[in-house]
Each structure stands twice: as C-alpha cells, then as structure tokens.
Amino acid sequence: MLWLIVPLAFLIDLVMGDPAFLPHPVRIIGRAITRVEGFLRFFTSSPSGERIAGCCLVLFITGTAYLGSLGLCYLAGLIDNSVGMLVSTWLISTTIAARGLVDAGRSVYSHLLNGQKDKAREEVAGIVGRDTDTMEETEMVRATVETMAENVVDGVVAPILFAFVGGAPLAMTYRAINTLDSMVGYRNSRYLY
C-alpha cells in the first residue's frame, strides 16, 4: 500500500502544506527536544555525562517518534483499515516540506521582483542561518537557491525514501533525526560533547 500512500502524502503536502490549525508532529518533536535536553542538562556537568545525555536524547526522541507513529497507525488501523491508511498518509505528509520550500522561494522572489529588498532579506533570514542584513540581491538569490537545493534532499527526497522503505514510522524517525540535527547537531561549546 505504500506505493499509493506515499504519493498521496506528497500530493497532500503540495496542496495543503502545513496548515497552522493542525498539530504538526515536527513542532511537537522540536518542543520535545528542547524539554528533554533541558531535563538531561540538569543532571550533567562533565563531558562524559554530556555524551551519555546526548545518546539518551537521541534514543528517546527517535524511539518516541518511531514507536509513537507506529502505535498511532496501528490503533487507527484497528478502527478500520482505511482509517489506518489515512493516518499513515497524513503522518507521512507532515514529514515532507515541498510546499513550504516552494512558498519560501516564491516569497523571496516576489519581494525581489517588486523591489522590496528589506522584505526579501527578512524572508531569506527565515530560511538561512547566516546574516542577511547586508545581502545584495544576487547574494539573496544565491542563498535562497542554495537553501532550497539542500532542503529538497532533507525535506522532500529523504522523507519520501524513508516512507517507501518503512512507512510513516520510519519517515517520522527520519524527521526526528533531521530535527535533532538542526537543533543540537553543532560543534560548539554547548553541543561539543
């Protein structure tokens, strides 16, 4: 059934994107990372303790994402097979970010087309992790294209691949790993260990 569910999930993302009125699993994962990290940091004060805490954080977040989505799909399937398929399709659609990428790129393009460089800079700042205050138009275009190209893999290709291999649970686990990477995957003083 994945041959039907995954393309349908992709289409749902293209049409709907991520409506604000629906709970989004990735936002839930992000909040969980912040809370669990804070909890674990309370108990660590050494590099070795931070390494153990980091392993615990990754195992907890990825395990919860996998088991939570597996359990949700299973319970929905108990109600009815079609309900299970709908839940699985919706969960997979939340791991895909094609519509968000298109909207972000279109917004920067629109502002630049209308000569609104300051608004374009604000939009670029929302999708890149670099200083945009002094960016000229060509730099904003380059930054947007680079970010969109990178995020096609992270936000579209990879979740679809994982969904085809292991359904919603594996796609959600991939999204949890990707979210962990974007939140705590840094080699700086806070996250070195």
C-alpha atoms as a PDB file:
ATOM      1  CA  MET A   1       0.000   0.000   0.000  1.00  0.00           C
ATOM      2  CA  LEU A   2       2.989   2.343   0.360  1.00  0.00           C
ATOM      3  CA  TRP A   3       3.009   2.764  -3.431  1.00  0.00           C
ATOM      4  CA  LEU A   4      -0.349   4.524  -3.001  1.00  0.00           C
ATOM      5  CA  ILE A   5       0.089   6.170   0.412  1.00  0.00           C
ATOM      6  CA  VAL A   6       3.427   7.915  -0.228  1.00  0.00           C
ATOM      7  CA  PRO A   7       2.453   9.679  -3.490  1.00  0.00           C
ATOM      8  CA  LEU A   8      -0.849  10.681  -1.888  1.00  0.00           C
ATOM      9  CA  ALA A   9       1.054  12.113   1.103  1.00  0.00           C
ATOM     10  CA  PHE A  10       3.265  14.089  -1.283  1.00  0.00           C
ATOM     11  CA  LEU A  11       0.189  15.483  -3.050  1.00  0.00           C
ATOM     12  CA  ILE A  12      -1.403  16.428   0.275  1.00  0.00           C
ATOM     13  CA  ASP A  13       1.737  18.349   1.190  1.00  0.00           C
ATOM     14  CA  LEU A  14       1.795  20.114  -2.192  1.00  0.00           C
ATOM     15  CA  VAL A  15      -1.839  21.138  -1.907  1.00  0.00           C
ATOM     16  CA  MET A  16      -2.177  21.876   1.819  1.00  0.00           C
ATOM     17  CA  GLY A  17       1.347  22.394   3.101  1.00  0.00           C
ATOM     18  CA  ASP A  18       1.313  22.561   6.879  1.00  0.00           C
ATOM     19  CA  PRO A  19      -1.938  24.205   7.992  1.00  0.00           C
ATOM     20  CA  ALA A  20      -1.470  26.078  11.258  1.00  0.00           C
ATOM     21  CA  PHE A  21      -4.749  24.756  12.666  1.00  0.00           C
ATOM     22  CA  LEU A  22      -3.495  21.144  12.656  1.00  0.00           C
ATOM     23  CA  PRO A  23      -0.991  19.858  15.207  1.00  0.00           C
ATOM     24  CA  HIS A  24       2.304  19.277  13.443  1.00  0.00           C
ATOM     25  CA  PRO A  25       4.465  16.367  14.595  1.00  0.00           C
ATOM     26  CA  VAL A  26       7.703  18.171  13.711  1.00  0.00           C
ATOM     27  CA  ARG A  27       6.811  21.077  16.014  1.00  0.00           C
ATOM     28  CA  ILE A  28       5.986  18.536  18.713  1.00  0.00           C
ATOM     29  CA  ILE A  29       9.361  16.846  18.129  1.00  0.00           C
ATOM     30  CA  GLY A  30      11.112  20.219  18.371  1.00  0.00           C
ATOM     31  CA  ARG A  31       9.429  21.041  21.671  1.00  0.00           C
ATOM     32  CA  ALA A  32      10.273  17.580  22.992  1.00  0.00           C
ATOM     33  CA  ILE A  33      13.945  18.037  22.059  1.00  0.00           C
ATOM     34  CA  THR A  34      14.081  21.348  23.921  1.00  0.00           C
ATOM     35  CA  ARG A  35      12.415  19.936  27.040  1.00  0.00           C
ATOM     36  CA  VAL A  36      14.337  16.654  27.154  1.00  0.00           C
ATOM     37  CA  GLU A  37      17.629  18.468  26.544  1.00  0.00           C
ATOM     38  CA  GLY A  38      16.889  20.841  29.439  1.00  0.00           C
ATOM     39  CA  PHE A  39      15.952  17.927  31.680  1.00  0.00           C
ATOM     40  CA  LEU A  40      19.110  15.977  30.811  1.00  0.00           C
ATOM     41  CA  ARG A  41      21.395  19.003  31.217  1.00  0.00           C
ATOM     42  CA  PHE A  42      20.149  19.340  34.780  1.00  0.00           C
ATOM     43  CA  PHE A  43      21.887  16.040  35.578  1.00  0.00           C
ATOM     44  CA  THR A  44      25.139  16.520  33.647  1.00  0.00           C
ATOM     45  CA  SER A  45      28.205  18.573  34.374  1.00  0.00           C
ATOM     46  CA  SER A  46      31.062  16.690  32.714  1.00  0.00           C
ATOM     47  CA  PRO A  47      31.965  15.907  29.106  1.00  0.00           C
ATOM     48  CA  SER A  48      31.302  12.188  29.651  1.00  0.00           C
ATOM     49  CA  GLY A  49      27.943  12.977  31.276  1.00  0.00           C
ATOM     50  CA  GLU A  50      27.037  15.176  28.313  1.00  0.00           C
ATOM     51  CA  ARG A  51      27.939  12.360  25.894  1.00  0.00           C
ATOM     52  CA  ILE A  52      25.659   9.971  27.758  1.00  0.00           C
ATOM     53  CA  ALA A  53      22.928  12.618  27.895  1.00  0.00           C
ATOM     54  CA  GLY A  54      23.309  13.209  24.157  1.00  0.00           C
ATOM     55  CA  CYS A  55      22.905   9.500  23.439  1.00  0.00           C
ATOM     56  CA  CYS A  56      19.864   9.385  25.715  1.00  0.00           C
ATOM     57  CA  LEU A  57      18.373  12.415  23.949  1.00  0.00           C
ATOM     58  CA  VAL A  58      18.797  10.859  20.504  1.00  0.00           C
ATOM     59  CA  LEU A  59      17.482   7.461  21.583  1.00  0.00           C
ATOM     60  CA  PHE A  60      14.499   8.939  23.399  1.00  0.00           C
ATOM     61  CA  ILE A  61      13.471  11.316  20.610  1.00  0.00           C
ATOM     62  CA  THR A  62      13.933   8.852  17.746  1.00  0.00           C
ATOM     63  CA  GLY A  63      12.416   5.971  19.702  1.00  0.00           C
ATOM     64  CA  THR A  64       9.401   8.038  20.676  1.00  0.00           C
ATOM     65  CA  ALA A  65       8.924   9.243  17.089  1.00  0.00           C
ATOM     66  CA  TYR A  66       9.088   5.692  15.746  1.00  0.00           C
ATOM     67  CA  LEU A  67       7.003   3.998  18.410  1.00  0.00           C
ATOM     68  CA  GLY A  68       4.504   6.859  18.652  1.00  0.00           C
ATOM     69  CA  SER A  69       3.780   6.909  14.933  1.00  0.00           C
ATOM     70  CA  LEU A  70       3.765   3.097  14.768  1.00  0.00           C
ATOM     71  CA  GLY A  71       1.280   2.965  17.638  1.00  0.00           C
ATOM     72  CA  LEU A  72      -0.894   5.690  16.145  1.00  0.00           C
ATOM     73  CA  CYS A  73      -1.037   3.918  12.763  1.00  0.00           C
ATOM     74  CA  TYR A  74      -1.736   0.589  14.471  1.00  0.00           C
ATOM     75  CA  LEU A  75      -4.561   1.964  16.617  1.00  0.00           C
ATOM     76  CA  ALA A  76      -6.087   3.761  13.635  1.00  0.00           C
ATOM     77  CA  GLY A  77      -5.888   0.505  11.674  1.00  0.00           C
ATOM     78  CA  LEU A  78      -7.805  -1.255  14.427  1.00  0.00           C
ATOM     79  CA  ILE A  79     -10.690   1.161  13.895  1.00  0.00           C
ATOM     80  CA  ASP A  80     -10.678   0.421  10.177  1.00  0.00           C
ATOM     81  CA  ASN A  81      -8.007  -0.307   7.582  1.00  0.00           C
ATOM     82  CA  SER A  82      -8.901   2.856   5.664  1.00  0.00           C
ATOM     83  CA  VAL A  83      -8.566   4.950   8.840  1.00  0.00           C
ATOM     84  CA  GLY A  84      -5.105   3.452   9.352  1.00  0.00           C
ATOM     85  CA  MET A  85      -4.176   4.371   5.784  1.00  0.00           C
ATOM     86  CA  LEU A  86      -5.457   7.932   6.267  1.00  0.00           C
ATOM     87  CA  VAL A  87      -3.466   8.405   9.470  1.00  0.00           C
ATOM     88  CA  SER A  88      -0.352   6.966   7.848  1.00  0.00           C
ATOM     89  CA  THR A  89      -0.799   9.224   4.817  1.00  0.00           C
ATOM     90  CA  TRP A  90      -1.261  12.309   6.994  1.00  0.00           C
ATOM     91  CA  LEU A  91       1.791  11.471   9.134  1.00  0.00           C
ATOM     92  CA  ILE A  92       3.959  10.988   6.050  1.00  0.00           C
ATOM     93  CA  SER A  93       2.681  14.255   4.566  1.00  0.00           C
ATOM     94  CA  THR A  94       3.881  16.097   7.681  1.00  0.00           C
ATOM     95  CA  THR A  95       7.424  14.832   7.094  1.00  0.00           C
ATOM     96  CA  ILE A  96       7.509  16.290   3.572  1.00  0.00           C
ATOM     97  CA  ALA A  97       8.185  20.003   3.096  1.00  0.00           C
ATOM     98  CA  ALA A  98       7.769  20.541  -0.664  1.00  0.00           C
ATOM     99  CA  ARG A  99       5.027  23.150  -0.321  1.00  0.00           C
ATOM    100  CA  GLY A 100       6.955  25.025   2.351  1.00  0.00           C
ATOM    101  CA  LEU A 101      10.023  25.184   0.121  1.00  0.00           C
ATOM    102  CA  VAL A 102       8.016  26.428  -2.849  1.00  0.00           C
ATOM    103  CA  ASP A 103       6.277  29.055  -0.709  1.00  0.00           C
ATOM    104  CA  ALA A 104       9.561  30.268   0.824  1.00  0.00           C
ATOM    105  CA  GLY A 105      11.293  30.588  -2.533  1.00  0.00           C
ATOM    106  CA  ARG A 106       8.272  32.231  -4.134  1.00  0.00           C
ATOM    107  CA  SER A 107       8.065  34.774  -1.317  1.00  0.00           C
ATOM    108  CA  VAL A 108      11.713  35.851  -1.709  1.00  0.00           C
ATOM    109  CA  TYR A 109      11.284  36.009  -5.496  1.00  0.00           C
ATOM    110  CA  SER A 110       8.115  38.088  -5.217  1.00  0.00           C
ATOM    111  CA  HIS A 111       9.713  40.629  -2.879  1.00  0.00           C
ATOM    112  CA  LEU A 112      12.775  40.945  -5.105  1.00  0.00           C
ATOM    113  CA  LEU A 113      10.596  41.296  -8.217  1.00  0.00           C
ATOM    114  CA  ASN A 114       8.705  44.142  -6.530  1.00  0.00           C
ATOM    115  CA  GLY A 115      11.898  45.882  -5.390  1.00  0.00           C
ATOM    116  CA  GLN A 116      11.245  45.134  -1.719  1.00  0.00           C
ATOM    117  CA  LYS A 117      14.813  44.231  -0.732  1.00  0.00           C
ATOM    118  CA  ASP A 118      14.251  44.637   3.006  1.00  0.00           C
ATOM    119  CA  LYS A 119      11.287  42.274   2.969  1.00  0.00           C
ATOM    120  CA  ALA A 120      13.260  39.842   0.799  1.00  0.00           C
ATOM    121  CA  ARG A 121      16.115  39.960   3.344  1.00  0.00           C
ATOM    122  CA  GLU A 122      13.641  39.130   6.128  1.00  0.00           C
ATOM    123  CA  GLU A 123      12.344  36.154   4.148  1.00  0.00           C
ATOM    124  CA  VAL A 124      15.877  34.949   3.396  1.00  0.00           C
ATOM    125  CA  ALA A 125      16.769  35.302   7.083  1.00  0.00           C
ATOM    126  CA  GLY A 126      13.901  32.938   7.879  1.00  0.00           C
ATOM    127  CA  ILE A 127      15.328  30.163   5.692  1.00  0.00           C
ATOM    128  CA  VAL A 128      19.107  30.506   6.093  1.00  0.00           C
ATOM    129  CA  GLY A 129      21.379  30.543   9.101  1.00  0.00           C
ATOM    130  CA  ARG A 130      23.528  33.485   8.067  1.00  0.00           C
ATOM    131  CA  ASP A 131      23.476  37.255   8.429  1.00  0.00           C
ATOM    132  CA  THR A 132      21.246  38.770   5.754  1.00  0.00           C
ATOM    133  CA  ASP A 133      21.340  42.421   6.838  1.00  0.00           C
ATOM    134  CA  THR A 134      23.853  43.480   4.184  1.00  0.00           C
ATOM    135  CA  MET A 135      22.997  40.982   1.441  1.00  0.00           C
ATOM    136  CA  GLU A 136      22.564  42.353  -2.040  1.00  0.00           C
ATOM    137  CA  GLU A 137      20.032  40.929  -4.477  1.00  0.00           C
ATOM    138  CA  THR A 138      22.412  38.399  -6.067  1.00  0.00           C
ATOM    139  CA  GLU A 139      23.503  37.148  -2.635  1.00  0.00           C
ATOM    140  CA  MET A 140      19.865  36.743  -1.557  1.00  0.00           C
ATOM    141  CA  VAL A 141      19.089  34.777  -4.711  1.00  0.00           C
ATOM    142  CA  ARG A 142      22.166  32.586  -4.206  1.00  0.00           C
ATOM    143  CA  ALA A 143      21.337  31.949  -0.542  1.00  0.00           C
ATOM    144  CA  THR A 144      17.733  31.070  -1.395  1.00  0.00           C
ATOM    145  CA  VAL A 145      18.710  28.705  -4.217  1.00  0.00           C
ATOM    146  CA  GLU A 146      21.382  27.008  -2.072  1.00  0.00           C
ATOM    147  CA  THR A 147      18.982  26.540   0.830  1.00  0.00           C
ATOM    148  CA  MET A 148      16.190  25.251  -1.367  1.00  0.00           C
ATOM    149  CA  ALA A 149      18.535  22.813  -3.119  1.00  0.00           C
ATOM    150  CA  GLU A 150      19.811  21.479   0.200  1.00  0.00           C
ATOM    151  CA  ASN A 151      16.318  21.248   1.630  1.00  0.00           C
ATOM    152  CA  VAL A 152      14.946  19.357  -1.362  1.00  0.00           C
ATOM    153  CA  VAL A 153      17.005  16.434  -0.086  1.00  0.00           C
ATOM    154  CA  ASP A 154      16.226  16.969   3.608  1.00  0.00           C
ATOM    155  CA  GLY A 155      12.590  17.947   3.197  1.00  0.00           C
ATOM    156  CA  VAL A 156      11.368  16.020   0.174  1.00  0.00           C
ATOM    157  CA  VAL A 157      13.591  13.229  -1.179  1.00  0.00           C
ATOM    158  CA  ALA A 158      14.719  11.693   2.119  1.00  0.00           C
ATOM    159  CA  PRO A 159      11.319  11.570   3.846  1.00  0.00           C
ATOM    160  CA  ILE A 160       9.763  10.056   0.726  1.00  0.00           C
ATOM    161  CA  LEU A 161      12.540   7.460   0.508  1.00  0.00           C
ATOM    162  CA  PHE A 162      12.177   6.524   4.187  1.00  0.00           C
ATOM    163  CA  ALA A 163       8.390   6.403   3.826  1.00  0.00           C
ATOM    164  CA  PHE A 164       8.697   3.942   0.926  1.00  0.00           C
ATOM    165  CA  VAL A 165      11.090   1.781   2.968  1.00  0.00           C
ATOM    166  CA  GLY A 166       9.296   1.808   6.321  1.00  0.00           C
ATOM    167  CA  GLY A 167       6.063   3.773   6.117  1.00  0.00           C
ATOM    168  CA  ALA A 168       5.081   6.562   8.479  1.00  0.00           C
ATOM    169  CA  PRO A 169       7.157   5.280  11.447  1.00  0.00           C
ATOM    170  CA  LEU A 170      10.449   5.378   9.523  1.00  0.00           C
ATOM    171  CA  ALA A 171       9.624   8.678   7.808  1.00  0.00           C
ATOM    172  CA  MET A 172       8.817  10.203  11.213  1.00  0.00           C
ATOM    173  CA  THR A 173      12.040   8.776  12.674  1.00  0.00           C
ATOM    174  CA  TYR A 174      13.998  10.368   9.834  1.00  0.00           C
ATOM    175  CA  ARG A 175      12.248  13.682  10.525  1.00  0.00           C
ATOM    176  CA  ALA A 176      13.146  13.368  14.224  1.00  0.00           C
ATOM    177  CA  ILE A 177      16.808  12.773  13.322  1.00  0.00           C
ATOM    178  CA  ASN A 178      16.749  15.714  10.928  1.00  0.00           C
ATOM    179  CA  THR A 179      15.171  17.939  13.586  1.00  0.00           C
ATOM    180  CA  LEU A 180      17.762  16.822  16.144  1.00  0.00           C
ATOM    181  CA  ASP A 181      20.496  17.710  13.670  1.00  0.00           C
ATOM    182  CA  SER A 182      19.093  21.183  13.087  1.00  0.00           C
ATOM    183  CA  MET A 183      18.640  21.859  16.809  1.00  0.00           C
ATOM    184  CA  VAL A 184      21.563  20.173  18.569  1.00  0.00           C
ATOM    185  CA  GLY A 185      23.898  18.992  15.806  1.00  0.00           C
ATOM    186  CA  TYR A 186      26.507  21.695  16.248  1.00  0.00           C
ATOM    187  CA  ARG A 187      30.180  21.552  17.141  1.00  0.00           C
ATOM    188  CA  ASN A 188      30.172  24.489  19.513  1.00  0.00           C
ATOM    189  CA  SER A 189      30.759  24.849  23.253  1.00  0.00           C
ATOM    190  CA  ARG A 190      27.149  23.965  24.096  1.00  0.00           C
ATOM    191  CA  TYR A 191      26.927  20.796  21.988  1.00  0.00           C
ATOM    192  CA  LEU A 192      30.545  19.621  21.594  1.00  0.00           C
ATOM    193  CA  TYR A 193      30.059  16.682  23.974  1.00  0.00           C
END
